[in-house]
C-alpha atoms as a PDB file:
ATOM      1  CA  MET A   1      33.071 -11.607 -24.679  1.00  0.00           C
ATOM      2  CA  THR A   2      35.500 -10.539 -26.698  1.00  0.00           C
ATOM      3  CA  SER A   3      36.428  -7.292 -29.001  1.00  0.00           C
ATOM      4  CA  HIS A   4      35.288  -6.511 -32.600  1.00  0.00           C
ATOM      5  CA  SER A   5      36.253  -7.728 -35.272  1.00  0.00           C
ATOM      6  CA  ASN A   6      37.575  -4.930 -37.349  1.00  0.00           C
ATOM      7  CA  GLY A   7      39.656  -6.967 -39.703  1.00  0.00           C
ATOM      8  CA  ASP A   8      42.909  -6.459 -37.723  1.00  0.00           C
ATOM      9  CA  GLY A   9      42.605 -10.145 -36.853  1.00  0.00           C
ATOM     10  CA  ALA A  10      40.740  -9.385 -32.932  1.00  0.00           C
ATOM     11  CA  ALA A  11      40.028 -12.223 -31.748  1.00  0.00           C
ATOM     12  CA  ALA A  12      36.396 -14.404 -32.504  1.00  0.00           C
ATOM     13  CA  ALA A  13      33.433 -14.849 -29.995  1.00  0.00           C
ATOM     14  CA  ARG A  14      33.276 -17.530 -27.729  1.00  0.00           C
ATOM     15  CA  SER A  15      29.330 -17.884 -28.078  1.00  0.00           C
ATOM     16  CA  ARG A  16      26.732 -16.211 -29.116  1.00  0.00           C
ATOM     17  CA  TRP A  17      25.183 -12.430 -28.693  1.00  0.00           C
ATOM     18  CA  THR A  18      21.817 -12.673 -27.046  1.00  0.00           C
ATOM     19  CA  TRP A  19      19.263 -10.039 -27.734  1.00  0.00           C
ATOM     20  CA  SER A  20      19.819  -9.208 -24.348  1.00  0.00           C
ATOM     21  CA  GLU A  21      23.160  -8.568 -24.560  1.00  0.00           C
ATOM     22  CA  LEU A  22      23.433  -6.889 -27.993  1.00  0.00           C
ATOM     23  CA  GLN A  23      20.682  -4.126 -26.626  1.00  0.00           C
ATOM     24  CA  THR A  24      22.736  -3.566 -23.762  1.00  0.00           C
ATOM     25  CA  ILE A  25      25.760  -3.535 -26.058  1.00  0.00           C
ATOM     26  CA  ILE A  26      24.210  -1.175 -29.042  1.00  0.00           C
ATOM     27  CA  SER A  27      22.071   1.503 -26.363  1.00  0.00           C
ATOM     28  CA  ALA A  28      25.916   1.992 -24.574  1.00  0.00           C
ATOM     29  CA  GLY A  29      27.782   2.583 -27.791  1.00  0.00           C
ATOM     30  CA  ASP A  30      29.452  -0.402 -27.101  1.00  0.00           C
ATOM     31  CA  LEU A  31      29.930  -1.642 -30.483  1.00  0.00           C
ATOM     32  CA  HIS A  32      33.509  -2.580 -30.205  1.00  0.00           C
ATOM     33  CA  LYS A  33      32.660  -5.607 -28.129  1.00  0.00           C
ATOM     34  CA  LEU A  34      30.961  -6.894 -30.615  1.00  0.00           C
ATOM     35  CA  ALA A  35      32.682 -10.030 -32.517  1.00  0.00           C
ATOM     36  CA  ARG A  36      32.339 -12.494 -34.443  1.00  0.00           C
ATOM     37  CA  SER A  37      32.783 -16.488 -34.655  1.00  0.00           C
ATOM     38  CA  GLU A  38      36.245 -18.151 -35.254  1.00  0.00           C
ATOM     39  CA  GLU A  39      35.467 -19.140 -38.594  1.00  0.00           C
ATOM     40  CA  GLN A  40      33.473 -16.373 -39.578  1.00  0.00           C
ATOM     41  CA  GLU A  41      36.414 -14.157 -38.637  1.00  0.00           C
ATOM     42  CA  GLN A  42      38.968 -15.909 -40.557  1.00  0.00           C
ATOM     43  CA  THR A  43      36.463 -16.095 -43.893  1.00  0.00           C
ATOM     44  CA  TYR A  44      36.297 -12.254 -43.233  1.00  0.00           C
ATOM     45  CA  CYS A  45      39.827 -11.914 -43.025  1.00  0.00           C
ATOM     46  CA  LYS A  46      40.394 -13.492 -45.962  1.00  0.00           C
ATOM     47  CA  ALA A  47      37.859 -11.638 -47.707  1.00  0.00           C
ATOM     48  CA  ARG A  48      38.946  -7.864 -46.759  1.00  0.00           C
ATOM     49  CA  SER A  49      42.717  -8.622 -47.214  1.00  0.00           C
ATOM     50  CA  LYS A  50      41.805  -9.363 -50.214  1.00  0.00           C
ATOM     51  CA  PHE A  51      39.501  -6.306 -51.469  1.00  0.00           C
ATOM     52  CA  LEU A  52      41.815  -4.295 -49.507  1.00  0.00           C
ATOM     53  CA  ALA A  53      44.739  -5.921 -52.339  1.00  0.00           C
ATOM     54  CA  GLU A  54      42.793  -5.788 -55.163  1.00  0.00           C
ATOM     55  CA  GLU A  55      41.821  -1.817 -53.885  1.00  0.00           C
ATOM     56  CA  GLY A  56      45.284  -0.561 -53.981  1.00  0.00           C
ATOM     57  CA  ALA A  57      46.234  -2.912 -57.340  1.00  0.00           C
ATOM     58  CA  GLY A  58      43.426  -1.451 -58.677  1.00  0.00           C
ATOM     59  CA  GLN A  59      44.272   2.316 -58.337  1.00  0.00           C
ATOM     60  CA  LYS A  60      47.648   1.879 -59.705  1.00  0.00           C
ATOM     61  CA  LYS A  61      46.216   0.427 -62.508  1.00  0.00           C
ATOM     62  CA  ARG A  62      42.916   2.422 -62.258  1.00  0.00           C
ATOM     63  CA  SER A  63      40.624  -0.325 -62.276  1.00  0.00           C
ATOM     64  CA  LYS A  64      37.888  -1.283 -59.852  1.00  0.00           C
ATOM     65  CA  PRO A  65      38.208  -4.363 -57.441  1.00  0.00           C
ATOM     66  CA  THR A  66      36.287  -7.322 -57.124  1.00  0.00           C
ATOM     67  CA  PHE A  67      34.272  -8.244 -55.083  1.00  0.00           C
ATOM     68  CA  GLU A  68      33.587 -11.848 -55.212  1.00  0.00           C
ATOM     69  CA  GLU A  69      33.337 -12.485 -51.284  1.00  0.00           C
ATOM     70  CA  TRP A  70      30.938  -9.041 -50.804  1.00  0.00           C
ATOM     71  CA  ARG A  71      27.825 -10.366 -52.538  1.00  0.00           C
ATOM     72  CA  SER A  72      26.322  -7.881 -50.472  1.00  0.00           C
ATOM     73  CA  MET A  73      28.762  -5.169 -52.857  1.00  0.00           C
ATOM     74  CA  VAL A  74      27.708  -7.042 -55.936  1.00  0.00           C
ATOM     75  CA  LYS A  75      24.272  -5.520 -55.562  1.00  0.00           C
ATOM     76  CA  LEU A  76      26.088  -2.115 -55.907  1.00  0.00           C
ATOM     77  CA  GLY A  77      26.672  -2.575 -58.753  1.00  0.00           C
ATOM     78  CA  LYS A  78      31.235  -2.947 -58.994  1.00  0.00           C
ATOM     79  CA  ASN A  79      30.816  -1.279 -62.164  1.00  0.00           C
ATOM     80  CA  ASP A  80      29.676   2.226 -60.378  1.00  0.00           C
ATOM     81  CA  MET A  81      31.167   1.601 -57.132  1.00  0.00           C
ATOM     82  CA  HIS A  82      33.427   4.967 -57.194  1.00  0.00           C
ATOM     83  CA  ASN A  83      29.996   7.062 -59.543  1.00  0.00           C
ATOM     84  CA  LYS A  84      26.399   6.903 -58.291  1.00  0.00           C
ATOM     85  CA  THR A  85      25.412   7.372 -54.894  1.00  0.00           C
ATOM     86  CA  ARG A  86      23.614   4.350 -54.213  1.00  0.00           C
ATOM     87  CA  THR A  87      21.589   1.953 -51.173  1.00  0.00           C
ATOM     88  CA  VAL A  88      20.924  -1.557 -51.011  1.00  0.00           C
ATOM     89  CA  LEU A  89      19.783  -3.603 -48.155  1.00  0.00           C
ATOM     90  CA  CYS A  90      20.915  -7.029 -47.516  1.00  0.00           C
ATOM     91  CA  LEU A  91      21.919  -9.810 -44.896  1.00  0.00           C
ATOM     92  CA  ASN A  92      25.199  -9.286 -43.691  1.00  0.00           C
ATOM     93  CA  ASP A  93      27.974 -11.416 -45.570  1.00  0.00           C
ATOM     94  CA  PHE A  94      29.775 -11.841 -42.656  1.00  0.00           C
ATOM     95  CA  PRO A  95      27.577 -11.622 -39.693  1.00  0.00           C
ATOM     96  CA  TYR A  96      27.935 -11.234 -35.968  1.00  0.00           C
ATOM     97  CA  TYR A  97      28.131 -14.760 -33.824  1.00  0.00           C
ATOM     98  CA  PHE A  98      24.193 -14.412 -33.194  1.00  0.00           C
ATOM     99  CA  GLU A  99      21.616 -16.588 -31.791  1.00  0.00           C
ATOM    100  CA  GLU A 100      19.816 -18.394 -33.805  1.00  0.00           C
ATOM    101  CA  GLY A 101      16.654 -16.510 -35.027  1.00  0.00           C
ATOM    102  CA  ILE A 102      18.521 -13.395 -35.048  1.00  0.00           C
ATOM    103  CA  GLU A 103      19.902 -11.913 -39.069  1.00  0.00           C
ATOM    104  CA  HIS A 104      22.315  -9.493 -39.343  1.00  0.00           C
ATOM    105  CA  TRP A 105      21.395  -6.506 -42.352  1.00  0.00           C
ATOM    106  CA  VAL A 106      23.736  -3.920 -43.422  1.00  0.00           C
ATOM    107  CA  VAL A 107      22.146  -0.941 -45.473  1.00  0.00           C
ATOM    108  CA  TRP A 108      25.568  -0.494 -47.228  1.00  0.00           C
ATOM    109  CA  LYS A 109      25.100   3.554 -49.698  1.00  0.00           C
ATOM    110  CA  LEU A 110      27.925   4.826 -51.488  1.00  0.00           C
ATOM    111  CA  GLY A 111      28.307   8.547 -51.838  1.00  0.00           C
ATOM    112  CA  GLU A 112      27.496  10.087 -49.092  1.00  0.00           C
ATOM    113  CA  ASP A 113      26.221   8.831 -45.400  1.00  0.00           C
ATOM    114  CA  VAL A 114      22.993   6.613 -44.876  1.00  0.00           C
ATOM    115  CA  SER A 115      20.169   9.346 -43.706  1.00  0.00           C
ATOM    116  CA  ILE A 116      17.810   8.056 -40.646  1.00  0.00           C
ATOM    117  CA  GLY A 117      14.814   8.127 -43.754  1.00  0.00           C
ATOM    118  CA  GLU A 118      16.793   5.228 -45.270  1.00  0.00           C
ATOM    119  CA  ILE A 119      17.095   3.537 -42.014  1.00  0.00           C
ATOM    120  CA  GLU A 120      13.315   3.153 -42.082  1.00  0.00           C
ATOM    121  CA  ASN A 121      12.634   2.355 -45.381  1.00  0.00           C
ATOM    122  CA  GLY A 122      15.148  -0.819 -44.923  1.00  0.00           C
ATOM    123  CA  LYS A 123      13.364  -1.834 -41.782  1.00  0.00           C
ATOM    124  CA  MET A 124      10.371  -1.525 -43.891  1.00  0.00           C
ATOM    125  CA  GLU A 125      11.183  -3.540 -46.371  1.00  0.00           C
ATOM    126  CA  ILE A 126      12.264  -6.271 -43.693  1.00  0.00           C
ATOM    127  CA  LEU A 127       8.918  -6.382 -41.751  1.00  0.00           C
ATOM    128  CA  LYS A 128       7.271  -6.703 -45.447  1.00  0.00           C
ATOM    129  CA  GLU A 129       9.508  -9.545 -45.708  1.00  0.00           C
ATOM    130  CA  ALA A 130       7.855 -10.933 -42.930  1.00  0.00           C
ATOM    131  CA  GLY A 131       4.522 -10.460 -43.873  1.00  0.00           C
ATOM    132  CA  CYS A 132       4.078  -7.822 -41.492  1.00  0.00           C
ATOM    133  CA  SER A 133       2.848  -4.408 -42.564  1.00  0.00           C
ATOM    134  CA  ASN A 134       2.781  -2.148 -38.559  1.00  0.00           C
ATOM    135  CA  LYS A 135       5.335   0.821 -39.201  1.00  0.00           C
ATOM    136  CA  GLU A 136       5.023   0.843 -34.753  1.00  0.00           C
ATOM    137  CA  PHE A 137       7.836  -1.993 -35.290  1.00  0.00           C
ATOM    138  CA  ILE A 138       9.927   0.006 -36.231  1.00  0.00           C
ATOM    139  CA  ASN A 139      11.072   1.334 -33.221  1.00  0.00           C
ATOM    140  CA  ASP A 140      10.586  -1.102 -31.032  1.00  0.00           C
ATOM    141  CA  THR A 141      13.869  -2.839 -30.022  1.00  0.00           C
ATOM    142  CA  SER A 142      12.695  -5.710 -29.120  1.00  0.00           C
ATOM    143  CA  VAL A 143      12.064  -6.487 -33.109  1.00  0.00           C
ATOM    144  CA  PHE A 144      14.861  -3.610 -34.432  1.00  0.00           C
ATOM    145  CA  LEU A 145      18.462  -2.855 -32.824  1.00  0.00           C
ATOM    146  CA  HIS A 146      20.226  -0.343 -35.292  1.00  0.00           C
ATOM    147  CA  TRP A 147      23.395   0.897 -35.221  1.00  0.00           C
ATOM    148  CA  LEU A 148      26.131   3.708 -37.702  1.00  0.00           C
ATOM    149  CA  ASN A 149      29.716   2.022 -37.511  1.00  0.00           C
ATOM    150  CA  PRO A 150      32.552   4.833 -36.817  1.00  0.00           C
ATOM    151  CA  PRO A 151      35.123   5.039 -38.983  1.00  0.00           C
ATOM    152  CA  GLU A 152      37.522   3.324 -37.327  1.00  0.00           C
ATOM    153  CA  LEU A 153      34.978  -0.190 -37.366  1.00  0.00           C
ATOM    154  CA  LYS A 154      34.117   0.242 -41.432  1.00  0.00           C
ATOM    155  CA  SER A 155      34.873  -2.859 -43.149  1.00  0.00           C
ATOM    156  CA  LEU A 156      35.765  -1.262 -46.289  1.00  0.00           C
ATOM    157  CA  PRO A 157      37.131   2.293 -46.552  1.00  0.00           C
ATOM    158  CA  TYR A 158      34.679   3.888 -49.167  1.00  0.00           C
ATOM    159  CA  PRO A 159      31.505   2.569 -48.810  1.00  0.00           C
ATOM    160  CA  TYR A 160      29.035   3.630 -45.666  1.00  0.00           C
ATOM    161  CA  SER A 161      26.825   1.743 -44.155  1.00  0.00           C
ATOM    162  CA  ILE A 162      24.782   1.169 -41.441  1.00  0.00           C
ATOM    163  CA  PRO A 163      24.173  -1.987 -40.072  1.00  0.00           C
ATOM    164  CA  GLU A 164      20.455  -3.198 -38.880  1.00  0.00           C
ATOM    165  CA  VAL A 165      20.294  -6.468 -36.705  1.00  0.00           C
ATOM    166  CA  GLY A 166      16.106  -7.584 -36.652  1.00  0.00           C
ATOM    167  CA  ASN A 167      14.982 -10.039 -34.154  1.00  0.00           C
ATOM    168  CA  LYS A 168      12.947 -12.420 -37.274  1.00  0.00           C
ATOM    169  CA  SER A 169      11.303 -14.117 -34.447  1.00  0.00           C
ATOM    170  CA  LEU A 170       9.216 -11.822 -33.378  1.00  0.00           C
ATOM    171  CA  VAL A 171       8.974 -10.118 -35.885  1.00  0.00           C
ATOM    172  CA  MET A 172       6.597 -12.451 -37.731  1.00  0.00           C
END
């Protein structure tokens, strides 16, 4: 596999990540190894570059960037980006290259770091969506994996996020 995709032209994954590989990578803290497919990486880099250009121009004009390619960020409320603490759970707009059946969710939060309680609430939301209310699955690594992106691997400069990977086929 290849290195993490941070928008700086990182190499793309040549094959899909398996659940077992993800468990190993995340438990070892080797997040820099995660990568997107070539197509996913190109789409991500284009969207990130556009956002950062708008962010820079917006600082000069006192306007806010748009989030056309970042559907999850729109959920946070683009008009409130700099003013409120808000949290949303959604599928990642630019997921890593995972095997079929593995979903890449993200908790986006503005204003402060995501708490363990918010991570657990996100997992419960995913379980409820799948028709399961068994809280025991929250800490079951055959069902969920989660990690906190270190600053150097964050996609955007100011939102805080914790990706969650849910293996929905095991949740159902």
